[in-house]
Every structure is written in C-alpha cells, then in structure tokens.
C-alpha cells in the first residue's frame, strides 16, 4: 500500500482504533511533534464529471498533525475537529514509514477501513439503483 492511499485511509479510520494503535506505538518509539495538531479549513475540490475540470465546491473543517521519528515524518489530515485523532494518525503514519513493529497492524487497520468504505459505497449504490427503478416505473 503506497503512502498516499495509506494517508487517505488513516484520514477516515476509526478514531478509537487509531488512538489505541498510536498509544502502543508511543510506548515503543520516541516521536517528536513537528507541528502540533491544529484545526482549520481546507478547500474541497471536485472534478466536473462532464468537462473533467476541477472546481472548488466548498471549504471544510479539518485537523492536521506532523510528527517525526528516526528521520522519518508522519503526517495526517482528517476532516473535523478531532485533533487527537489527527495526531494519532500521524503517529501511525510515521510508524509505517519507519517500518516499526506495529506497521503491519496499522496497514491491517487501513485495509479494514477500505473494506468498510467499499461496503458502504456498495450499499449506497444499491439504494440508488432502487430509486432509479422506482422512478422509471
């Protein structure tokens, strides 16, 4: 799993699971906070499905954190105001980047997060198909 995909999944992973893993990482490894967790707004861009051009939809609240361990950096950006979860995600990111002892568990959490998101998307698509069938009758 590449870092970009891992970052996407850590951004949506269950906060409680992230906090638990991050605590376990911190018991084993020295991590330095480079940029304390902070909350702000970021621009949400979407791509126009017809023209294929990006456009600015709105601003959303997000929390960001940056950490360092053993010459590696860990970064996270999560929607919402949960700065502790953002910090935990950054700690988990640096654990994987540095091939730490809990890297496999963090990747497993990411894989589980992807599976849950896929199942949710499939359920949404199924509901939309039902709506299409009802609308065409």
N, C-alpha and C. Protein backbone atom coordinates (compact mmCIF):
# COMPACT_ATOMS: atom_id res chain seq x y z
N UNK A 1 0.85 -1.17 0.00
CA UNK A 1 0.00 0.00 0.00
C UNK A 1 0.90 1.24 0.00
N UNK A 2 0.68 2.14 -0.97
CA UNK A 2 1.53 3.32 -1.03
C UNK A 2 1.11 4.35 0.03
N UNK A 3 1.95 5.33 0.22
CA UNK A 3 1.72 6.29 1.29
C UNK A 3 0.47 7.14 1.05
N UNK A 4 0.22 7.50 -0.19
CA UNK A 4 -0.96 8.31 -0.49
C UNK A 4 -2.23 7.57 -0.09
N UNK A 5 -2.31 6.30 -0.46
CA UNK A 5 -3.50 5.51 -0.12
C UNK A 5 -3.61 5.34 1.39
N UNK A 6 -2.47 5.08 2.04
CA UNK A 6 -2.48 4.92 3.49
C UNK A 6 -2.96 6.20 4.17
N UNK A 7 -2.53 7.35 3.68
CA UNK A 7 -2.96 8.63 4.25
C UNK A 7 -4.46 8.81 4.10
N UNK A 8 -5.00 8.45 2.93
CA UNK A 8 -6.45 8.53 2.72
C UNK A 8 -7.19 7.68 3.74
N UNK A 9 -6.68 6.47 3.97
CA UNK A 9 -7.37 5.55 4.87
C UNK A 9 -7.20 5.93 6.33
N UNK A 10 -6.03 6.41 6.72
CA UNK A 10 -5.84 6.88 8.09
C UNK A 10 -6.73 8.10 8.36
N UNK A 11 -7.03 8.86 7.32
CA UNK A 11 -7.88 10.03 7.47
C UNK A 11 -9.32 9.67 7.78
N UNK A 12 -9.71 8.44 7.46
CA UNK A 12 -11.11 8.03 7.70
C UNK A 12 -11.22 6.84 8.65
N UNK A 13 -10.09 6.37 9.15
CA UNK A 13 -10.11 5.21 10.05
C UNK A 13 -10.81 5.55 11.36
N UNK A 14 -11.31 4.53 12.02
CA UNK A 14 -11.98 4.68 13.31
C UNK A 14 -11.03 5.35 14.31
N UNK A 15 -11.48 6.45 14.92
CA UNK A 15 -10.64 7.24 15.82
C UNK A 15 -10.19 6.43 17.04
N UNK A 16 -11.07 5.60 17.59
CA UNK A 16 -10.70 4.82 18.77
C UNK A 16 -9.59 3.82 18.43
N UNK A 17 -9.73 3.16 17.29
CA UNK A 17 -8.70 2.20 16.86
C UNK A 17 -7.37 2.92 16.60
N UNK A 18 -7.43 4.10 16.00
CA UNK A 18 -6.22 4.89 15.75
C UNK A 18 -5.54 5.27 17.05
N UNK A 19 -6.32 5.76 18.01
CA UNK A 19 -5.75 6.17 19.29
C UNK A 19 -5.08 5.01 20.01
N UNK A 20 -5.72 3.85 19.96
CA UNK A 20 -5.14 2.66 20.61
C UNK A 20 -3.81 2.29 19.96
N UNK A 21 -3.77 2.25 18.65
CA UNK A 21 -2.53 1.91 17.95
C UNK A 21 -1.44 2.96 18.20
N UNK A 22 -1.82 4.22 18.16
CA UNK A 22 -0.84 5.29 18.39
C UNK A 22 -0.24 5.21 19.79
N UNK A 23 -1.08 4.93 20.78
CA UNK A 23 -0.57 4.78 22.16
C UNK A 23 0.45 3.65 22.23
N UNK A 24 0.13 2.54 21.58
CA UNK A 24 1.06 1.41 21.57
C UNK A 24 2.36 1.77 20.86
N UNK A 25 2.27 2.55 19.78
CA UNK A 25 3.48 3.00 19.07
C UNK A 25 4.34 3.86 19.99
N UNK A 26 3.69 4.75 20.72
CA UNK A 26 4.43 5.69 21.58
C UNK A 26 5.08 4.99 22.76
N UNK A 27 4.60 3.82 23.13
CA UNK A 27 5.24 3.04 24.20
C UNK A 27 6.56 2.44 23.73
N UNK A 28 6.71 2.28 22.41
CA UNK A 28 7.88 1.62 21.85
C UNK A 28 8.87 2.57 21.20
N UNK A 29 8.37 3.73 20.74
CA UNK A 29 9.18 4.60 19.88
C UNK A 29 9.10 6.04 20.35
N UNK A 30 10.21 6.74 20.22
CA UNK A 30 10.26 8.17 20.53
C UNK A 30 9.74 8.93 19.30
N UNK A 31 8.72 9.75 19.48
CA UNK A 31 8.14 10.54 18.40
C UNK A 31 8.17 12.00 18.82
N UNK A 32 8.62 12.86 17.90
CA UNK A 32 8.67 14.30 18.17
C UNK A 32 7.60 14.98 17.33
N UNK A 33 6.81 15.83 17.96
CA UNK A 33 5.78 16.57 17.25
C UNK A 33 6.43 17.75 16.54
N UNK A 34 6.39 17.77 15.23
CA UNK A 34 6.97 18.87 14.45
C UNK A 34 5.98 20.02 14.31
N UNK A 35 4.73 19.68 14.16
CA UNK A 35 3.68 20.69 14.05
C UNK A 35 2.51 20.20 14.90
N UNK A 36 2.21 20.87 16.01
CA UNK A 36 1.13 20.40 16.87
C UNK A 36 -0.18 20.30 16.09
N UNK A 37 -1.05 19.40 16.51
CA UNK A 37 -2.32 19.28 15.81
C UNK A 37 -3.06 20.61 15.82
N UNK A 38 -3.60 20.95 14.66
CA UNK A 38 -4.34 22.20 14.56
C UNK A 38 -5.55 21.99 13.66
N UNK A 39 -6.54 22.80 13.89
CA UNK A 39 -7.77 22.71 13.11
C UNK A 39 -7.92 23.98 12.29
N UNK A 40 -8.35 23.80 11.05
CA UNK A 40 -8.57 24.94 10.16
C UNK A 40 -9.54 24.53 9.06
N UNK A 41 -9.57 25.30 8.02
CA UNK A 41 -10.43 24.97 6.88
C UNK A 41 -9.56 24.71 5.66
N UNK A 42 -10.00 23.78 4.85
CA UNK A 42 -9.33 23.47 3.58
C UNK A 42 -10.38 23.51 2.48
N UNK A 43 -9.94 23.81 1.30
CA UNK A 43 -10.82 23.89 0.15
C UNK A 43 -11.11 22.49 -0.38
N UNK A 44 -12.37 22.19 -0.58
CA UNK A 44 -12.78 20.89 -1.13
C UNK A 44 -13.00 21.07 -2.63
N UNK A 45 -12.22 20.36 -3.41
CA UNK A 45 -12.34 20.40 -4.86
C UNK A 45 -12.96 19.11 -5.37
N UNK A 46 -13.79 19.24 -6.37
CA UNK A 46 -14.35 18.09 -7.06
C UNK A 46 -14.05 18.24 -8.54
N UNK A 47 -14.21 17.16 -9.27
CA UNK A 47 -13.99 17.19 -10.71
C UNK A 47 -15.33 17.13 -11.40
N UNK A 48 -15.57 18.06 -12.30
CA UNK A 48 -16.80 18.06 -13.08
C UNK A 48 -16.84 16.79 -13.92
N UNK A 49 -17.91 15.99 -13.78
CA UNK A 49 -17.94 14.69 -14.46
C UNK A 49 -18.04 14.81 -15.99
N UNK A 50 -18.50 15.92 -16.49
CA UNK A 50 -18.63 16.07 -17.93
C UNK A 50 -17.40 16.73 -18.54
N UNK A 51 -17.02 17.88 -18.01
CA UNK A 51 -15.87 18.60 -18.55
C UNK A 51 -14.54 18.03 -18.07
N UNK A 52 -14.58 17.31 -16.93
CA UNK A 52 -13.35 16.74 -16.39
C UNK A 52 -12.46 17.76 -15.71
N UNK A 53 -12.97 18.96 -15.52
CA UNK A 53 -12.20 20.04 -14.90
C UNK A 53 -12.49 20.10 -13.41
N UNK A 54 -11.47 20.41 -12.60
CA UNK A 54 -11.73 20.56 -11.16
C UNK A 54 -12.45 21.88 -10.89
N UNK A 55 -13.27 21.87 -9.84
CA UNK A 55 -13.90 23.10 -9.40
C UNK A 55 -13.96 23.11 -7.88
N UNK A 56 -13.95 24.30 -7.30
CA UNK A 56 -13.99 24.47 -5.85
C UNK A 56 -15.42 24.38 -5.39
N UNK A 57 -15.71 23.41 -4.54
CA UNK A 57 -17.07 23.19 -4.07
C UNK A 57 -17.36 24.01 -2.81
N UNK A 58 -16.50 23.84 -1.79
CA UNK A 58 -16.73 24.50 -0.52
C UNK A 58 -15.47 24.39 0.33
N UNK A 59 -15.53 24.95 1.51
CA UNK A 59 -14.46 24.78 2.49
C UNK A 59 -14.96 23.81 3.55
N UNK A 60 -14.07 22.97 4.05
CA UNK A 60 -14.43 22.02 5.10
C UNK A 60 -13.44 22.16 6.26
N UNK A 61 -13.91 21.84 7.45
CA UNK A 61 -13.07 21.88 8.65
C UNK A 61 -12.23 20.61 8.69
N UNK A 62 -10.94 20.76 8.96
CA UNK A 62 -10.05 19.61 9.03
C UNK A 62 -8.99 19.85 10.10
N UNK A 63 -8.44 18.74 10.60
CA UNK A 63 -7.37 18.79 11.60
C UNK A 63 -6.13 18.13 11.02
N UNK A 64 -4.98 18.74 11.27
CA UNK A 64 -3.72 18.29 10.69
C UNK A 64 -2.67 18.12 11.79
N UNK A 65 -1.75 17.17 11.58
CA UNK A 65 -0.63 17.00 12.50
C UNK A 65 0.59 16.50 11.72
N UNK A 66 1.77 16.82 12.23
CA UNK A 66 3.03 16.40 11.61
C UNK A 66 3.98 15.97 12.73
N UNK A 67 4.53 14.76 12.59
CA UNK A 67 5.46 14.22 13.60
C UNK A 67 6.71 13.68 12.91
N UNK A 68 7.72 13.40 13.73
CA UNK A 68 8.99 12.86 13.21
C UNK A 68 9.49 11.78 14.16
N UNK A 69 10.08 10.75 13.58
CA UNK A 69 10.69 9.69 14.38
C UNK A 69 11.80 9.03 13.57
N UNK A 70 12.99 9.04 14.11
CA UNK A 70 14.11 8.36 13.47
C UNK A 70 14.38 8.82 12.05
N UNK A 71 14.20 10.10 11.78
CA UNK A 71 14.46 10.63 10.45
C UNK A 71 13.30 10.48 9.47
N UNK A 72 12.21 9.93 9.92
CA UNK A 72 11.02 9.76 9.08
C UNK A 72 9.94 10.73 9.57
N UNK A 73 9.08 11.15 8.64
CA UNK A 73 7.98 12.03 9.03
C UNK A 73 6.65 11.29 8.91
N UNK A 74 5.73 11.70 9.75
CA UNK A 74 4.37 11.19 9.69
C UNK A 74 3.42 12.38 9.63
N UNK A 75 2.43 12.29 8.76
CA UNK A 75 1.53 13.41 8.54
C UNK A 75 0.10 12.91 8.48
N UNK A 76 -0.83 13.74 8.89
CA UNK A 76 -2.24 13.39 8.81
C UNK A 76 -3.09 14.63 8.62
N UNK A 77 -4.16 14.45 7.85
CA UNK A 77 -5.19 15.47 7.70
C UNK A 77 -6.52 14.73 7.74
N UNK A 78 -7.31 15.01 8.79
CA UNK A 78 -8.61 14.36 8.98
C UNK A 78 -9.71 15.41 9.01
N UNK A 79 -10.83 15.10 8.37
CA UNK A 79 -11.96 16.02 8.42
C UNK A 79 -12.47 16.11 9.84
N UNK A 80 -12.89 17.32 10.23
CA UNK A 80 -13.44 17.53 11.56
C UNK A 80 -12.45 18.19 12.50
N UNK A 81 -12.84 18.24 13.76
CA UNK A 81 -12.07 18.97 14.77
C UNK A 81 -11.32 18.06 15.74
N UNK A 82 -11.27 16.77 15.47
CA UNK A 82 -10.62 15.83 16.39
C UNK A 82 -9.10 15.87 16.19
N UNK A 83 -8.45 16.80 16.87
CA UNK A 83 -7.00 16.97 16.73
C UNK A 83 -6.24 15.78 17.29
N UNK A 84 -6.77 15.16 18.33
CA UNK A 84 -6.10 13.99 18.90
C UNK A 84 -6.07 12.84 17.89
N UNK A 85 -7.17 12.63 17.18
CA UNK A 85 -7.20 11.59 16.14
C UNK A 85 -6.24 11.92 15.01
N UNK A 86 -6.13 13.21 14.67
CA UNK A 86 -5.17 13.61 13.63
C UNK A 86 -3.74 13.31 14.07
N UNK A 87 -3.44 13.60 15.34
CA UNK A 87 -2.11 13.30 15.87
C UNK A 87 -1.87 11.79 15.88
N UNK A 88 -2.87 11.02 16.28
CA UNK A 88 -2.74 9.56 16.30
C UNK A 88 -2.49 9.02 14.89
N UNK A 89 -3.18 9.57 13.90
CA UNK A 89 -2.98 9.12 12.52
C UNK A 89 -1.56 9.46 12.05
N UNK A 90 -1.04 10.61 12.44
CA UNK A 90 0.33 10.98 12.06
C UNK A 90 1.34 10.04 12.72
N UNK A 91 1.09 9.68 13.98
CA UNK A 91 1.97 8.73 14.68
C UNK A 91 1.93 7.37 13.97
N UNK A 92 0.75 6.93 13.58
CA UNK A 92 0.63 5.66 12.86
C UNK A 92 1.33 5.74 11.51
N UNK A 93 1.23 6.88 10.84
CA UNK A 93 1.90 7.06 9.55
C UNK A 93 3.41 6.94 9.70
N UNK A 94 3.97 7.59 10.70
CA UNK A 94 5.43 7.52 10.88
C UNK A 94 5.86 6.12 11.31
N UNK A 95 5.01 5.40 12.01
CA UNK A 95 5.32 4.02 12.40
C UNK A 95 5.48 3.15 11.16
N UNK A 96 4.61 3.32 10.19
CA UNK A 96 4.71 2.54 8.96
C UNK A 96 5.91 3.01 8.14
N UNK A 97 6.09 4.33 8.03
CA UNK A 97 7.21 4.86 7.25
C UNK A 97 8.56 4.37 7.78
N UNK A 98 8.65 4.20 9.08
CA UNK A 98 9.92 3.76 9.68
C UNK A 98 9.97 2.25 9.85
N UNK A 99 8.99 1.53 9.28
CA UNK A 99 8.92 0.06 9.36
C UNK A 99 8.96 -0.41 10.81
N UNK A 100 8.20 0.27 11.65
CA UNK A 100 8.14 -0.07 13.07
C UNK A 100 7.44 -1.39 13.33
N UNK A 101 7.49 -1.82 14.57
CA UNK A 101 6.95 -3.12 14.97
C UNK A 101 5.44 -3.24 14.75
N UNK A 102 4.72 -2.11 14.76
CA UNK A 102 3.27 -2.16 14.61
C UNK A 102 2.81 -1.79 13.20
N UNK A 103 3.74 -1.69 12.27
CA UNK A 103 3.41 -1.29 10.90
C UNK A 103 2.36 -2.21 10.28
N UNK A 104 2.51 -3.52 10.46
CA UNK A 104 1.56 -4.46 9.87
C UNK A 104 0.15 -4.28 10.44
N UNK A 105 0.05 -4.00 11.73
CA UNK A 105 -1.26 -3.77 12.34
C UNK A 105 -1.91 -2.50 11.81
N UNK A 106 -1.09 -1.49 11.56
CA UNK A 106 -1.61 -0.23 11.02
C UNK A 106 -2.08 -0.43 9.59
N UNK A 107 -1.33 -1.17 8.80
CA UNK A 107 -1.76 -1.48 7.44
C UNK A 107 -3.04 -2.31 7.47
N UNK A 108 -3.16 -3.23 8.42
CA UNK A 108 -4.39 -4.01 8.56
C UNK A 108 -5.58 -3.11 8.89
N UNK A 109 -5.38 -2.11 9.75
CA UNK A 109 -6.44 -1.15 10.05
C UNK A 109 -6.84 -0.40 8.78
N UNK A 110 -5.86 -0.02 7.99
CA UNK A 110 -6.14 0.68 6.73
C UNK A 110 -6.94 -0.21 5.79
N UNK A 111 -6.56 -1.47 5.69
CA UNK A 111 -7.27 -2.41 4.82
C UNK A 111 -8.71 -2.60 5.30
N UNK A 112 -8.89 -2.69 6.61
CA UNK A 112 -10.24 -2.82 7.17
C UNK A 112 -11.06 -1.56 6.87
N UNK A 113 -10.45 -0.41 7.00
CA UNK A 113 -11.12 0.85 6.70
C UNK A 113 -11.55 0.90 5.25
N UNK A 114 -10.70 0.43 4.35
CA UNK A 114 -11.04 0.40 2.92
C UNK A 114 -12.20 -0.54 2.66
N UNK A 115 -12.20 -1.68 3.33
CA UNK A 115 -13.28 -2.66 3.16
C UNK A 115 -14.61 -2.09 3.64
N UNK A 116 -14.61 -1.44 4.79
CA UNK A 116 -15.83 -0.83 5.33
C UNK A 116 -16.35 0.24 4.38
N UNK A 117 -15.45 1.06 3.84
CA UNK A 117 -15.85 2.12 2.91
C UNK A 117 -16.43 1.53 1.63
N UNK A 118 -15.83 0.46 1.14
CA UNK A 118 -16.33 -0.20 -0.07
C UNK A 118 -17.72 -0.78 0.16
N UNK A 119 -17.92 -1.42 1.30
CA UNK A 119 -19.24 -1.99 1.61
C UNK A 119 -20.29 -0.89 1.73
N UNK A 120 -19.93 0.23 2.34
CA UNK A 120 -20.85 1.36 2.48
C UNK A 120 -21.20 1.92 1.10
N UNK A 121 -20.20 2.02 0.23
CA UNK A 121 -20.44 2.52 -1.13
C UNK A 121 -21.34 1.57 -1.91
N UNK A 122 -21.13 0.27 -1.75
CA UNK A 122 -21.99 -0.72 -2.43
C UNK A 122 -23.43 -0.62 -1.95
N UNK A 123 -23.63 -0.43 -0.65
CA UNK A 123 -24.99 -0.27 -0.12
C UNK A 123 -25.65 1.00 -0.68
N UNK A 124 -24.87 2.07 -0.77
CA UNK A 124 -25.40 3.32 -1.31
C UNK A 124 -25.78 3.14 -2.77
N UNK A 125 -24.93 2.49 -3.55
CA UNK A 125 -25.23 2.25 -4.96
C UNK A 125 -26.47 1.39 -5.11
N UNK A 126 -26.64 0.40 -4.25
CA UNK A 126 -27.82 -0.46 -4.32
C UNK A 126 -29.08 0.35 -4.03
N UNK A 127 -29.03 1.24 -3.05
CA UNK A 127 -30.19 2.09 -2.75
C UNK A 127 -30.50 3.03 -3.91
N UNK A 128 -29.46 3.54 -4.56
CA UNK A 128 -29.67 4.43 -5.70
C UNK A 128 -30.29 3.68 -6.88
N UNK A 129 -29.86 2.43 -7.09
CA UNK A 129 -30.45 1.63 -8.16
C UNK A 129 -31.94 1.40 -7.88
N UNK A 130 -32.29 1.17 -6.63
CA UNK A 130 -33.71 1.01 -6.27
C UNK A 130 -34.48 2.28 -6.60
N UNK A 131 -33.89 3.43 -6.31
CA UNK A 131 -34.54 4.69 -6.61
C UNK A 131 -34.74 4.84 -8.11
N UNK A 132 -33.73 4.47 -8.90
CA UNK A 132 -33.85 4.54 -10.36
C UNK A 132 -34.99 3.66 -10.85
N UNK A 133 -35.09 2.45 -10.30
CA UNK A 133 -36.14 1.52 -10.74
C UNK A 133 -37.51 2.07 -10.41
N UNK A 134 -37.66 2.65 -9.23
CA UNK A 134 -38.95 3.21 -8.82
C UNK A 134 -39.30 4.42 -9.70
N UNK A 135 -38.31 5.25 -10.00
CA UNK A 135 -38.55 6.47 -10.78
C UNK A 135 -38.92 6.16 -12.23
N UNK A 136 -38.47 5.04 -12.77
CA UNK A 136 -38.75 4.72 -14.17
C UNK A 136 -40.04 3.97 -14.36
N UNK A 137 -40.71 3.63 -13.31
CA UNK A 137 -41.98 2.88 -13.44
C UNK A 137 -43.10 3.78 -13.89
